[in-house]
């Protein structure tokens, strides 16, 4: 019987110092506290190695972000301002350093994956997929997935990158980074933008110019449950992956589609995240020699975030490298 696959968790205590003001702000330090405590108390704990990331260097941040924006972000944090660009984007003195470490986690994870590791999960905050090149948005300051994709391409020559985003909200920043790039396929399943922040991610948004066809948005109606996602994976995601044949996969892993999380109207179960993990582990084996990088995005109900993350990682770990992903269509 195959042994479970080990997982490296990349995280840092400074993430907890990113203070969003307490009170009612959903993107709070206790998200990571709850998640990491769950992992340490679960049967998964003996399969985990926890390491700290390096800070993302300027040369990699500027593969997407404007340098003047980075200076403005640093100045806002160090000068004592309480937010940047919108009151939702709360920050404190430590927030810029935390954001550098959050972006750096993906780079650290990629270095590990280009070595002997197969599965890396970056337990980070602040999250990243809403951040634009020169704008903080939706609790996000630096776009962790975008910077990671460019690093994988330019540092290691991995040309064809898939970013699969299962956060409840569309990753507008990831899409804008790559909408003209045929070598990075952005695939997002999210609540329909008519009903959900940030108001992008319509099905007809499929990339532009040479990147036309390298963006696939699958907007889901409020109340969407597990089977709708599994049907989409079988009927739309798998064919798209087969056609693109990625060399490497980055997962924007948001867990706010859970039915207990009031940050979206989706109604996923905890078990769905295990099914997604099974598919992703299989696709990583099929296309990427088993290499898979997951980076935490949303998830704001503490119990469902912790349980869903543990379920997702357990499925990744349990998936035999000899297995292939199974389709899950329904009648």
C-alpha atoms as a PDB file:
ATOM      1  CA  UNK A   1       0.000   0.000   0.000  1.00  0.00           C
ATOM      2  CA  UNK A   2       1.480   3.397  -0.984  1.00  0.00           C
ATOM      3  CA  UNK A   3       2.614   5.651   1.848  1.00  0.00           C
ATOM      4  CA  UNK A   4       0.946   9.064   2.209  1.00  0.00           C
ATOM      5  CA  UNK A   5       2.763  11.893   0.480  1.00  0.00           C
ATOM      6  CA  UNK A   6       4.433  14.443   2.785  1.00  0.00           C
ATOM      7  CA  UNK A   7       3.396  18.090   2.593  1.00  0.00           C
ATOM      8  CA  UNK A   8       5.514  21.148   3.301  1.00  0.00           C
ATOM      9  CA  UNK A   9       3.687  24.047   4.959  1.00  0.00           C
ATOM     10  CA  UNK A  10       5.269  27.440   4.319  1.00  0.00           C
ATOM     11  CA  UNK A  11       4.191  29.983   6.934  1.00  0.00           C
ATOM     12  CA  UNK A  12       5.609  32.700   9.202  1.00  0.00           C
ATOM     13  CA  UNK A  13       4.725  34.135  12.621  1.00  0.00           C
ATOM     14  CA  UNK A  14       4.822  37.687  11.235  1.00  0.00           C
ATOM     15  CA  UNK A  15       1.621  36.917   9.314  1.00  0.00           C
ATOM     16  CA  UNK A  16      -0.138  37.158  12.683  1.00  0.00           C
ATOM     17  CA  UNK A  17       1.259  40.667  13.205  1.00  0.00           C
ATOM     18  CA  UNK A  18      -0.647  41.963  10.154  1.00  0.00           C
ATOM     19  CA  UNK A  19      -3.328  43.744  12.193  1.00  0.00           C
ATOM     20  CA  UNK A  20      -6.577  44.516  10.370  1.00  0.00           C
ATOM     21  CA  UNK A  21      -8.057  46.429  13.266  1.00  0.00           C
ATOM     22  CA  UNK A  22      -9.803  43.626  15.097  1.00  0.00           C
ATOM     23  CA  UNK A  23     -13.527  43.833  15.586  1.00  0.00           C
ATOM     24  CA  UNK A  24     -15.570  42.778  12.588  1.00  0.00           C
ATOM     25  CA  UNK A  25     -12.876  42.650   9.890  1.00  0.00           C
ATOM     26  CA  UNK A  26     -13.023  39.115   8.454  1.00  0.00           C
ATOM     27  CA  UNK A  27      -9.374  38.879   7.339  1.00  0.00           C
ATOM     28  CA  UNK A  28      -7.961  38.566  10.833  1.00  0.00           C
ATOM     29  CA  UNK A  29      -4.957  36.771  12.375  1.00  0.00           C
ATOM     30  CA  UNK A  30      -7.153  34.118  13.978  1.00  0.00           C
ATOM     31  CA  UNK A  31      -7.744  32.672  10.502  1.00  0.00           C
ATOM     32  CA  UNK A  32      -4.204  31.314  10.452  1.00  0.00           C
ATOM     33  CA  UNK A  33      -4.198  30.477  14.139  1.00  0.00           C
ATOM     34  CA  UNK A  34      -7.269  28.271  13.678  1.00  0.00           C
ATOM     35  CA  UNK A  35      -5.968  26.678  10.482  1.00  0.00           C
ATOM     36  CA  UNK A  36      -2.537  25.787  11.852  1.00  0.00           C
ATOM     37  CA  UNK A  37      -3.963  24.519  15.144  1.00  0.00           C
ATOM     38  CA  UNK A  38      -6.276  22.202  13.217  1.00  0.00           C
ATOM     39  CA  UNK A  39      -3.411  20.804  11.155  1.00  0.00           C
ATOM     40  CA  UNK A  40      -1.280  20.197  14.241  1.00  0.00           C
ATOM     41  CA  UNK A  41      -4.160  18.367  15.959  1.00  0.00           C
ATOM     42  CA  UNK A  42      -5.102  16.238  12.941  1.00  0.00           C
ATOM     43  CA  UNK A  43      -3.764  12.853  11.772  1.00  0.00           C
ATOM     44  CA  UNK A  44      -2.033  14.850   9.040  1.00  0.00           C
ATOM     45  CA  UNK A  45       0.479  16.344  11.486  1.00  0.00           C
ATOM     46  CA  UNK A  46       3.078  13.588  11.110  1.00  0.00           C
ATOM     47  CA  UNK A  47       3.177  14.171   7.338  1.00  0.00           C
ATOM     48  CA  UNK A  48       3.856  17.897   7.655  1.00  0.00           C
ATOM     49  CA  UNK A  49       7.086  19.856   7.585  1.00  0.00           C
ATOM     50  CA  UNK A  50       6.752  23.524   8.495  1.00  0.00           C
ATOM     51  CA  UNK A  51       9.271  26.044   7.177  1.00  0.00           C
ATOM     52  CA  UNK A  52       9.494  29.831   7.025  1.00  0.00           C
ATOM     53  CA  UNK A  53       9.628  31.739   3.721  1.00  0.00           C
ATOM     54  CA  UNK A  54      12.010  34.383   2.559  1.00  0.00           C
ATOM     55  CA  UNK A  55      10.791  37.846   1.609  1.00  0.00           C
ATOM     56  CA  UNK A  56       9.965  38.314  -2.053  1.00  0.00           C
ATOM     57  CA  UNK A  57      12.676  40.348  -3.742  1.00  0.00           C
ATOM     58  CA  UNK A  58      11.897  43.533  -5.677  1.00  0.00           C
ATOM     59  CA  UNK A  59      12.965  41.974  -8.991  1.00  0.00           C
ATOM     60  CA  UNK A  60      10.177  39.391  -8.673  1.00  0.00           C
ATOM     61  CA  UNK A  61       7.535  41.737  -7.307  1.00  0.00           C
ATOM     62  CA  UNK A  62       8.025  44.033 -10.291  1.00  0.00           C
ATOM     63  CA  UNK A  63       7.242  41.256 -12.738  1.00  0.00           C
ATOM     64  CA  UNK A  64       3.671  42.400 -11.982  1.00  0.00           C
ATOM     65  CA  UNK A  65       3.535  45.292  -9.540  1.00  0.00           C
ATOM     66  CA  UNK A  66       4.485  48.856 -10.430  1.00  0.00           C
ATOM     67  CA  UNK A  67       7.486  50.008  -8.421  1.00  0.00           C
ATOM     68  CA  UNK A  68       5.731  53.228  -7.425  1.00  0.00           C
ATOM     69  CA  UNK A  69       2.881  51.165  -5.966  1.00  0.00           C
ATOM     70  CA  UNK A  70       5.309  49.111  -3.871  1.00  0.00           C
ATOM     71  CA  UNK A  71       6.860  52.297  -2.486  1.00  0.00           C
ATOM     72  CA  UNK A  72       3.386  53.688  -1.751  1.00  0.00           C
ATOM     73  CA  UNK A  73       2.355  50.473   0.026  1.00  0.00           C
ATOM     74  CA  UNK A  74       5.496  50.535   2.164  1.00  0.00           C
ATOM     75  CA  UNK A  75       5.018  54.222   2.983  1.00  0.00           C
ATOM     76  CA  UNK A  76       1.392  53.678   4.016  1.00  0.00           C
ATOM     77  CA  UNK A  77       2.365  50.902   6.401  1.00  0.00           C
ATOM     78  CA  UNK A  78       5.429  52.546   7.926  1.00  0.00           C
ATOM     79  CA  UNK A  79       3.825  55.979   8.318  1.00  0.00           C
ATOM     80  CA  UNK A  80       0.999  54.679  10.463  1.00  0.00           C
ATOM     81  CA  UNK A  81      -1.867  54.846   7.989  1.00  0.00           C
ATOM     82  CA  UNK A  82      -4.663  52.393   8.743  1.00  0.00           C
ATOM     83  CA  UNK A  83      -5.615  51.457   5.172  1.00  0.00           C
ATOM     84  CA  UNK A  84      -4.605  51.784   1.534  1.00  0.00           C
ATOM     85  CA  UNK A  85      -6.856  52.494  -1.469  1.00  0.00           C
ATOM     86  CA  UNK A  86     -10.040  51.436   0.382  1.00  0.00           C
ATOM     87  CA  UNK A  87     -11.004  51.100   4.057  1.00  0.00           C
ATOM     88  CA  UNK A  88     -11.372  47.332   3.547  1.00  0.00           C
ATOM     89  CA  UNK A  89      -7.610  47.109   3.030  1.00  0.00           C
ATOM     90  CA  UNK A  90      -6.591  47.571   6.650  1.00  0.00           C
ATOM     91  CA  UNK A  91      -2.895  47.645   7.478  1.00  0.00           C
ATOM     92  CA  UNK A  92      -0.453  48.374  10.263  1.00  0.00           C
ATOM     93  CA  UNK A  93       3.286  48.952  10.689  1.00  0.00           C
ATOM     94  CA  UNK A  94       4.090  45.247  10.108  1.00  0.00           C
ATOM     95  CA  UNK A  95       1.796  44.788   7.107  1.00  0.00           C
ATOM     96  CA  UNK A  96       4.353  45.529   4.392  1.00  0.00           C
ATOM     97  CA  UNK A  97       6.818  43.014   5.818  1.00  0.00           C
ATOM     98  CA  UNK A  98       4.007  40.470   6.162  1.00  0.00           C
ATOM     99  CA  UNK A  99       3.020  41.047   2.534  1.00  0.00           C
ATOM    100  CA  UNK A 100       6.623  40.541   1.378  1.00  0.00           C
ATOM    101  CA  UNK A 101       6.733  37.259   3.290  1.00  0.00           C
ATOM    102  CA  UNK A 102       3.346  36.268   1.891  1.00  0.00           C
ATOM    103  CA  UNK A 103       4.568  36.774  -1.673  1.00  0.00           C
ATOM    104  CA  UNK A 104       7.863  35.140  -0.751  1.00  0.00           C
ATOM    105  CA  UNK A 105       6.130  31.981   0.431  1.00  0.00           C
ATOM    106  CA  UNK A 106       5.276  31.034  -3.137  1.00  0.00           C
ATOM    107  CA  UNK A 107       8.877  31.577  -4.232  1.00  0.00           C
ATOM    108  CA  UNK A 108      10.161  29.484  -1.336  1.00  0.00           C
ATOM    109  CA  UNK A 109       7.631  26.793  -2.181  1.00  0.00           C
ATOM    110  CA  UNK A 110       8.704  26.727  -5.816  1.00  0.00           C
ATOM    111  CA  UNK A 111      12.341  26.309  -4.824  1.00  0.00           C
ATOM    112  CA  UNK A 112      11.294  23.273  -2.769  1.00  0.00           C
ATOM    113  CA  UNK A 113       9.182  21.850  -5.591  1.00  0.00           C
ATOM    114  CA  UNK A 114      12.061  22.177  -8.021  1.00  0.00           C
ATOM    115  CA  UNK A 115      13.985  20.032  -5.559  1.00  0.00           C
ATOM    116  CA  UNK A 116      12.660  16.900  -3.897  1.00  0.00           C
ATOM    117  CA  UNK A 117       9.277  18.081  -2.594  1.00  0.00           C
ATOM    118  CA  UNK A 118       5.997  17.387  -4.385  1.00  0.00           C
ATOM    119  CA  UNK A 119       3.306  19.127  -2.331  1.00  0.00           C
ATOM    120  CA  UNK A 120       3.609  22.608  -0.836  1.00  0.00           C
ATOM    121  CA  UNK A 121       0.873  24.608   0.892  1.00  0.00           C
ATOM    122  CA  UNK A 122       1.533  28.264   1.665  1.00  0.00           C
ATOM    123  CA  UNK A 123      -0.466  29.222   4.772  1.00  0.00           C
ATOM    124  CA  UNK A 124      -0.213  32.970   4.271  1.00  0.00           C
ATOM    125  CA  UNK A 125      -1.855  36.265   4.947  1.00  0.00           C
ATOM    126  CA  UNK A 126      -2.504  38.807   3.638  1.00  0.00           C
ATOM    127  CA  UNK A 127      -4.084  37.019   0.671  1.00  0.00           C
ATOM    128  CA  UNK A 128      -3.334  38.078  -2.881  1.00  0.00           C
ATOM    129  CA  UNK A 129      -5.615  37.264  -5.796  1.00  0.00           C
ATOM    130  CA  UNK A 130      -7.493  40.605  -5.888  1.00  0.00           C
ATOM    131  CA  UNK A 131      -4.350  42.779  -5.885  1.00  0.00           C
ATOM    132  CA  UNK A 132      -3.789  44.663  -9.143  1.00  0.00           C
ATOM    133  CA  UNK A 133      -0.460  45.905 -10.437  1.00  0.00           C
ATOM    134  CA  UNK A 134      -0.905  49.313  -8.799  1.00  0.00           C
ATOM    135  CA  UNK A 135      -3.891  48.849  -6.492  1.00  0.00           C
ATOM    136  CA  UNK A 136      -4.708  47.065  -3.248  1.00  0.00           C
ATOM    137  CA  UNK A 137      -8.138  45.465  -3.317  1.00  0.00           C
ATOM    138  CA  UNK A 138     -10.228  43.004  -1.338  1.00  0.00           C
ATOM    139  CA  UNK A 139      -7.815  42.615   1.622  1.00  0.00           C
ATOM    140  CA  UNK A 140      -4.969  41.923  -0.881  1.00  0.00           C
ATOM    141  CA  UNK A 141      -1.762  43.954  -1.291  1.00  0.00           C
ATOM    142  CA  UNK A 142       0.624  41.790  -3.358  1.00  0.00           C
ATOM    143  CA  UNK A 143      -0.550  39.182  -5.825  1.00  0.00           C
ATOM    144  CA  UNK A 144       1.099  36.053  -4.486  1.00  0.00           C
ATOM    145  CA  UNK A 145      -0.020  33.727  -7.297  1.00  0.00           C
ATOM    146  CA  UNK A 146       1.023  36.090 -10.083  1.00  0.00           C
ATOM    147  CA  UNK A 147       4.489  36.648  -8.638  1.00  0.00           C
ATOM    148  CA  UNK A 148       4.886  32.892  -8.127  1.00  0.00           C
ATOM    149  CA  UNK A 149       3.922  32.129 -11.725  1.00  0.00           C
ATOM    150  CA  UNK A 150       6.418  34.623 -13.131  1.00  0.00           C
ATOM    151  CA  UNK A 151       9.120  33.264 -10.817  1.00  0.00           C
ATOM    152  CA  UNK A 152       8.466  29.698 -11.991  1.00  0.00           C
ATOM    153  CA  UNK A 153       8.725  30.800 -15.608  1.00  0.00           C
ATOM    154  CA  UNK A 154      11.766  33.029 -15.334  1.00  0.00           C
ATOM    155  CA  UNK A 155      13.809  31.305 -12.632  1.00  0.00           C
ATOM    156  CA  UNK A 156      13.181  27.692 -13.657  1.00  0.00           C
ATOM    157  CA  UNK A 157      12.023  27.895 -17.273  1.00  0.00           C
ATOM    158  CA  UNK A 158       8.616  26.329 -16.601  1.00  0.00           C
ATOM    159  CA  UNK A 159       6.801  28.005 -19.446  1.00  0.00           C
ATOM    160  CA  UNK A 160       3.222  26.727 -19.284  1.00  0.00           C
ATOM    161  CA  UNK A 161       1.622  27.493 -15.916  1.00  0.00           C
ATOM    162  CA  UNK A 162      -1.949  26.748 -14.856  1.00  0.00           C
ATOM    163  CA  UNK A 163      -3.442  28.826 -12.044  1.00  0.00           C
ATOM    164  CA  UNK A 164      -6.606  27.190 -10.760  1.00  0.00           C
ATOM    165  CA  UNK A 165      -8.603  29.408  -8.413  1.00  0.00           C
ATOM    166  CA  UNK A 166     -11.417  27.874  -6.357  1.00  0.00           C
ATOM    167  CA  UNK A 167     -11.933  30.844  -4.033  1.00  0.00           C
ATOM    168  CA  UNK A 168     -15.569  31.965  -3.884  1.00  0.00           C
ATOM    169  CA  UNK A 169     -14.571  35.313  -5.411  1.00  0.00           C
ATOM    170  CA  UNK A 170     -13.068  35.896  -8.831  1.00  0.00           C
ATOM    171  CA  UNK A 171      -9.329  36.614  -8.844  1.00  0.00           C
ATOM    172  CA  UNK A 172      -9.458  39.807 -10.866  1.00  0.00           C
ATOM    173  CA  UNK A 173      -5.776  40.547 -10.269  1.00  0.00           C
ATOM    174  CA  UNK A 174      -4.623  37.188 -11.595  1.00  0.00           C
ATOM    175  CA  UNK A 175      -6.827  37.532 -14.656  1.00  0.00           C
ATOM    176  CA  UNK A 176      -5.604  41.040 -15.456  1.00  0.00           C
ATOM    177  CA  UNK A 177      -1.977  39.921 -15.140  1.00  0.00           C
ATOM    178  CA  UNK A 178      -2.292  37.155 -17.712  1.00  0.00           C
ATOM    179  CA  UNK A 179      -5.249  37.988 -19.945  1.00  0.00           C
ATOM    180  CA  UNK A 180      -2.930  38.590 -22.919  1.00  0.00           C
ATOM    181  CA  UNK A 181      -0.525  35.747 -22.085  1.00  0.00           C
ATOM    182  CA  UNK A 182      -1.097  32.384 -23.808  1.00  0.00           C
ATOM    183  CA  UNK A 183       1.423  30.640 -21.533  1.00  0.00           C
ATOM    184  CA  UNK A 184      -0.443  31.151 -18.247  1.00  0.00           C
ATOM    185  CA  UNK A 185      -3.906  29.597 -18.140  1.00  0.00           C
ATOM    186  CA  UNK A 186      -6.155  31.165 -15.505  1.00  0.00           C
ATOM    187  CA  UNK A 187      -9.121  29.016 -14.535  1.00  0.00           C
ATOM    188  CA  UNK A 188     -11.566  30.241 -11.898  1.00  0.00           C
ATOM    189  CA  UNK A 189     -14.728  28.792 -10.378  1.00  0.00           C
ATOM    190  CA  UNK A 190     -16.511  31.447  -8.321  1.00  0.00           C
ATOM    191  CA  UNK A 191     -19.863  32.914  -7.400  1.00  0.00           C
ATOM    192  CA  UNK A 192     -21.450  34.770 -10.305  1.00  0.00           C
ATOM    193  CA  UNK A 193     -20.151  38.355 -10.468  1.00  0.00           C
ATOM    194  CA  UNK A 194     -23.687  39.754 -10.584  1.00  0.00           C
ATOM    195  CA  UNK A 195     -23.965  38.745  -6.945  1.00  0.00           C
ATOM    196  CA  UNK A 196     -20.383  38.841  -5.717  1.00  0.00           C
ATOM    197  CA  UNK A 197     -17.284  40.991  -5.254  1.00  0.00           C
ATOM    198  CA  UNK A 198     -15.322  42.094  -7.258  1.00  0.00           C
ATOM    199  CA  UNK A 199     -17.860  42.093 -10.101  1.00  0.00           C
ATOM    200  CA  UNK A 200     -15.599  40.412 -12.676  1.00  0.00           C
ATOM    201  CA  UNK A 201     -15.271  36.865 -13.922  1.00  0.00           C
ATOM    202  CA  UNK A 202     -18.112  36.576 -16.411  1.00  0.00           C
ATOM    203  CA  UNK A 203     -18.009  33.526 -18.655  1.00  0.00           C
ATOM    204  CA  UNK A 204     -17.333  35.644 -21.729  1.00  0.00           C
ATOM    205  CA  UNK A 205     -14.095  36.962 -20.195  1.00  0.00           C
ATOM    206  CA  UNK A 206     -11.751  34.549 -21.963  1.00  0.00           C
ATOM    207  CA  UNK A 207      -8.550  36.521 -22.440  1.00  0.00           C
ATOM    208  CA  UNK A 208      -7.547  39.008 -25.106  1.00  0.00           C
ATOM    209  CA  UNK A 209      -5.183  39.132 -28.064  1.00  0.00           C
ATOM    210  CA  UNK A 210      -2.659  36.278 -27.990  1.00  0.00           C
ATOM    211  CA  UNK A 211      -4.111  35.199 -24.629  1.00  0.00           C
ATOM    212  CA  UNK A 212      -7.584  34.608 -26.025  1.00  0.00           C
ATOM    213  CA  UNK A 213      -8.730  31.189 -24.801  1.00  0.00           C
ATOM    214  CA  UNK A 214      -6.210  31.032 -21.929  1.00  0.00           C
ATOM    215  CA  UNK A 215      -8.744  32.296 -19.392  1.00  0.00           C
ATOM    216  CA  UNK A 216     -11.693  30.145 -18.338  1.00  0.00           C
ATOM    217  CA  UNK A 217     -14.233  31.605 -15.940  1.00  0.00           C
ATOM    218  CA  UNK A 218     -16.941  29.342 -14.554  1.00  0.00           C
ATOM    219  CA  UNK A 219     -19.359  31.555 -12.607  1.00  0.00           C
ATOM    220  CA  UNK A 220     -21.746  29.674 -10.332  1.00  0.00           C
ATOM    221  CA  UNK A 221     -25.162  30.781  -9.081  1.00  0.00           C
ATOM    222  CA  UNK A 222     -25.794  31.568  -5.417  1.00  0.00           C
ATOM    223  CA  UNK A 223     -26.579  28.366  -3.560  1.00  0.00           C
ATOM    224  CA  UNK A 224     -24.364  26.241  -5.822  1.00  0.00           C
ATOM    225  CA  UNK A 225     -23.489  22.962  -4.124  1.00  0.00           C
ATOM    226  CA  UNK A 226     -20.835  20.285  -4.541  1.00  0.00           C
ATOM    227  CA  UNK A 227     -22.226  18.489  -7.555  1.00  0.00           C
ATOM    228  CA  UNK A 228     -22.284  21.607  -9.699  1.00  0.00           C
ATOM    229  CA  UNK A 229     -18.557  22.060  -9.052  1.00  0.00           C
ATOM    230  CA  UNK A 230     -17.761  18.397  -9.703  1.00  0.00           C
ATOM    231  CA  UNK A 231     -19.741  18.516 -12.945  1.00  0.00           C
ATOM    232  CA  UNK A 232     -17.774  21.587 -14.019  1.00  0.00           C
ATOM    233  CA  UNK A 233     -14.512  19.827 -13.213  1.00  0.00           C
ATOM    234  CA  UNK A 234     -15.463  16.808 -15.293  1.00  0.00           C
ATOM    235  CA  UNK A 235     -17.013  18.589 -18.253  1.00  0.00           C
ATOM    236  CA  UNK A 236     -15.023  21.811 -18.546  1.00  0.00           C
ATOM    237  CA  UNK A 237     -11.919  21.826 -16.368  1.00  0.00           C
ATOM    238  CA  UNK A 238     -10.469  18.441 -17.327  1.00  0.00           C
ATOM    239  CA  UNK A 239     -10.789  19.055 -21.103  1.00  0.00           C
ATOM    240  CA  UNK A 240      -9.199  22.493 -20.689  1.00  0.00           C
ATOM    241  CA  UNK A 241      -6.281  20.999 -18.760  1.00  0.00           C
ATOM    242  CA  UNK A 242      -5.800  18.269 -21.329  1.00  0.00           C
ATOM    243  CA  UNK A 243      -5.657  20.841 -24.124  1.00  0.00           C
ATOM    244  CA  UNK A 244      -3.285  23.184 -22.276  1.00  0.00           C
ATOM    245  CA  UNK A 245      -1.030  20.488 -20.747  1.00  0.00           C
ATOM    246  CA  UNK A 246       0.528  22.615 -17.992  1.00  0.00           C
ATOM    247  CA  UNK A 247       4.103  22.103 -16.887  1.00  0.00           C
ATOM    248  CA  UNK A 248       3.264  23.376 -13.397  1.00  0.00           C
ATOM    249  CA  UNK A 249       0.074  24.092 -11.414  1.00  0.00           C
ATOM    250  CA  UNK A 250      -0.569  26.813  -8.846  1.00  0.00           C
ATOM    251  CA  UNK A 251      -3.765  26.604  -6.799  1.00  0.00           C
ATOM    252  CA  UNK A 252      -5.343  29.778  -5.442  1.00  0.00           C
ATOM    253  CA  UNK A 253      -6.907  27.940  -2.524  1.00  0.00           C
ATOM    254  CA  UNK A 254      -9.794  29.905  -1.066  1.00  0.00           C
ATOM    255  CA  UNK A 255     -12.213  28.160   1.276  1.00  0.00           C
ATOM    256  CA  UNK A 256     -14.916  30.846   1.505  1.00  0.00           C
ATOM    257  CA  UNK A 257     -17.309  28.923  -0.733  1.00  0.00           C
ATOM    258  CA  UNK A 258     -18.203  26.776   2.276  1.00  0.00           C
ATOM    259  CA  UNK A 259     -21.880  26.889   3.204  1.00  0.00           C
ATOM    260  CA  UNK A 260     -21.012  28.141   6.711  1.00  0.00           C
ATOM    261  CA  UNK A 261     -18.988  31.099   5.398  1.00  0.00           C
ATOM    262  CA  UNK A 262     -21.150  34.189   4.978  1.00  0.00           C
ATOM    263  CA  UNK A 263     -18.638  35.909   2.694  1.00  0.00           C
ATOM    264  CA  UNK A 264     -20.315  34.232  -0.285  1.00  0.00           C
ATOM    265  CA  UNK A 265     -23.636  32.704  -1.243  1.00  0.00           C
ATOM    266  CA  UNK A 266     -22.128  29.377  -2.296  1.00  0.00           C
ATOM    267  CA  UNK A 267     -23.013  26.219  -0.388  1.00  0.00           C
ATOM    268  CA  UNK A 268     -20.032  23.869  -0.602  1.00  0.00           C
ATOM    269  CA  UNK A 269     -19.468  21.113   1.942  1.00  0.00           C
ATOM    270  CA  UNK A 270     -16.196  20.410   3.706  1.00  0.00           C
ATOM    271  CA  UNK A 271     -16.008  17.150   1.764  1.00  0.00           C
ATOM    272  CA  UNK A 272     -15.956  18.970  -1.574  1.00  0.00           C
ATOM    273  CA  UNK A 273     -12.500  20.329  -0.816  1.00  0.00           C
ATOM    274  CA  UNK A 274     -11.284  16.765  -0.438  1.00  0.00           C
ATOM    275  CA  UNK A 275     -12.680  15.937  -3.868  1.00  0.00           C
ATOM    276  CA  UNK A 276     -10.932  18.965  -5.335  1.00  0.00           C
ATOM    277  CA  UNK A 277      -7.706  17.819  -3.705  1.00  0.00           C
ATOM    278  CA  UNK A 278      -8.074  14.377  -5.284  1.00  0.00           C
ATOM    279  CA  UNK A 279      -8.488  15.893  -8.732  1.00  0.00           C
ATOM    280  CA  UNK A 280      -5.609  18.311  -8.329  1.00  0.00           C
ATOM    281  CA  UNK A 281      -3.220  15.678  -7.013  1.00  0.00           C
ATOM    282  CA  UNK A 282      -4.080  13.484  -9.970  1.00  0.00           C
ATOM    283  CA  UNK A 283      -3.584  16.265 -12.483  1.00  0.00           C
ATOM    284  CA  UNK A 284      -0.284  17.208 -10.868  1.00  0.00           C
ATOM    285  CA  UNK A 285       0.884  13.623 -11.307  1.00  0.00           C
ATOM    286  CA  UNK A 286      -0.365  13.466 -14.895  1.00  0.00           C
ATOM    287  CA  UNK A 287       1.114  16.757 -16.099  1.00  0.00           C
ATOM    288  CA  UNK A 288       3.688  17.957 -13.547  1.00  0.00           C
ATOM    289  CA  UNK A 289       5.562  14.980 -12.087  1.00  0.00           C
ATOM    290  CA  UNK A 290       3.373  15.289  -8.987  1.00  0.00           C
ATOM    291  CA  UNK A 291       4.448  18.874  -8.240  1.00  0.00           C
ATOM    292  CA  UNK A 292       1.692  21.122  -6.851  1.00  0.00           C
ATOM    293  CA  UNK A 293       1.830  24.543  -5.196  1.00  0.00           C
ATOM    294  CA  UNK A 294      -1.213  25.729  -3.225  1.00  0.00           C
ATOM    295  CA  UNK A 295      -1.439  29.265  -1.820  1.00  0.00           C
ATOM    296  CA  UNK A 296      -4.115  30.247   0.694  1.00  0.00           C
ATOM    297  CA  UNK A 297      -6.580  32.913  -0.386  1.00  0.00           C
ATOM    298  CA  UNK A 298      -9.960  33.371   1.358  1.00  0.00           C
ATOM    299  CA  UNK A 299     -11.914  31.524   4.019  1.00  0.00           C
ATOM    300  CA  UNK A 300     -13.336  33.498   6.921  1.00  0.00           C
ATOM    301  CA  UNK A 301     -15.479  31.160   9.017  1.00  0.00           C
ATOM    302  CA  UNK A 302     -12.825  29.801  11.336  1.00  0.00           C
ATOM    303  CA  UNK A 303     -14.095  26.255  11.802  1.00  0.00           C
ATOM    304  CA  UNK A 304     -14.954  25.644   8.158  1.00  0.00           C
ATOM    305  CA  UNK A 305     -11.666  27.206   7.009  1.00  0.00           C
ATOM    306  CA  UNK A 306      -9.667  24.932   9.294  1.00  0.00           C
ATOM    307  CA  UNK A 307     -11.678  21.797   8.524  1.00  0.00           C
ATOM    308  CA  UNK A 308     -11.769  22.414   4.767  1.00  0.00           C
ATOM    309  CA  UNK A 309      -8.031  23.082   4.572  1.00  0.00           C
ATOM    310  CA  UNK A 310      -7.267  19.908   6.524  1.00  0.00           C
ATOM    311  CA  UNK A 311      -9.624  17.918   4.288  1.00  0.00           C
ATOM    312  CA  UNK A 312      -8.024  19.350   1.137  1.00  0.00           C
ATOM    313  CA  UNK A 313      -4.475  18.636   2.313  1.00  0.00           C
ATOM    314  CA  UNK A 314      -5.371  15.142   3.502  1.00  0.00           C
ATOM    315  CA  UNK A 315      -6.739  14.344   0.052  1.00  0.00           C
ATOM    316  CA  UNK A 316      -3.563  15.646  -1.586  1.00  0.00           C
ATOM    317  CA  UNK A 317      -1.423  13.579   0.767  1.00  0.00           C
ATOM    318  CA  UNK A 318      -3.477  10.399   0.461  1.00  0.00           C
ATOM    319  CA  UNK A 319      -3.593  10.415  -3.328  1.00  0.00           C
ATOM    320  CA  UNK A 320      -1.292   7.687  -4.598  1.00  0.00           C
ATOM    321  CA  UNK A 321       1.161   8.896  -7.188  1.00  0.00           C
ATOM    322  CA  UNK A 322       0.070   5.892  -9.252  1.00  0.00           C
ATOM    323  CA  UNK A 323      -3.532   7.097  -9.438  1.00  0.00           C
ATOM    324  CA  UNK A 324      -5.150   9.298 -12.037  1.00  0.00           C
ATOM    325  CA  UNK A 325      -7.967  11.776 -11.347  1.00  0.00           C
ATOM    326  CA  UNK A 326     -11.464  10.422 -11.743  1.00  0.00           C
ATOM    327  CA  UNK A 327     -14.270  12.217 -13.531  1.00  0.00           C
ATOM    328  CA  UNK A 328     -17.364  13.027 -11.528  1.00  0.00           C
ATOM    329  CA  UNK A 329     -20.255  13.803 -13.889  1.00  0.00           C
ATOM    330  CA  UNK A 330     -23.795  13.365 -12.669  1.00  0.00           C
ATOM    331  CA  UNK A 331     -26.969  12.586 -14.458  1.00  0.00           C
END
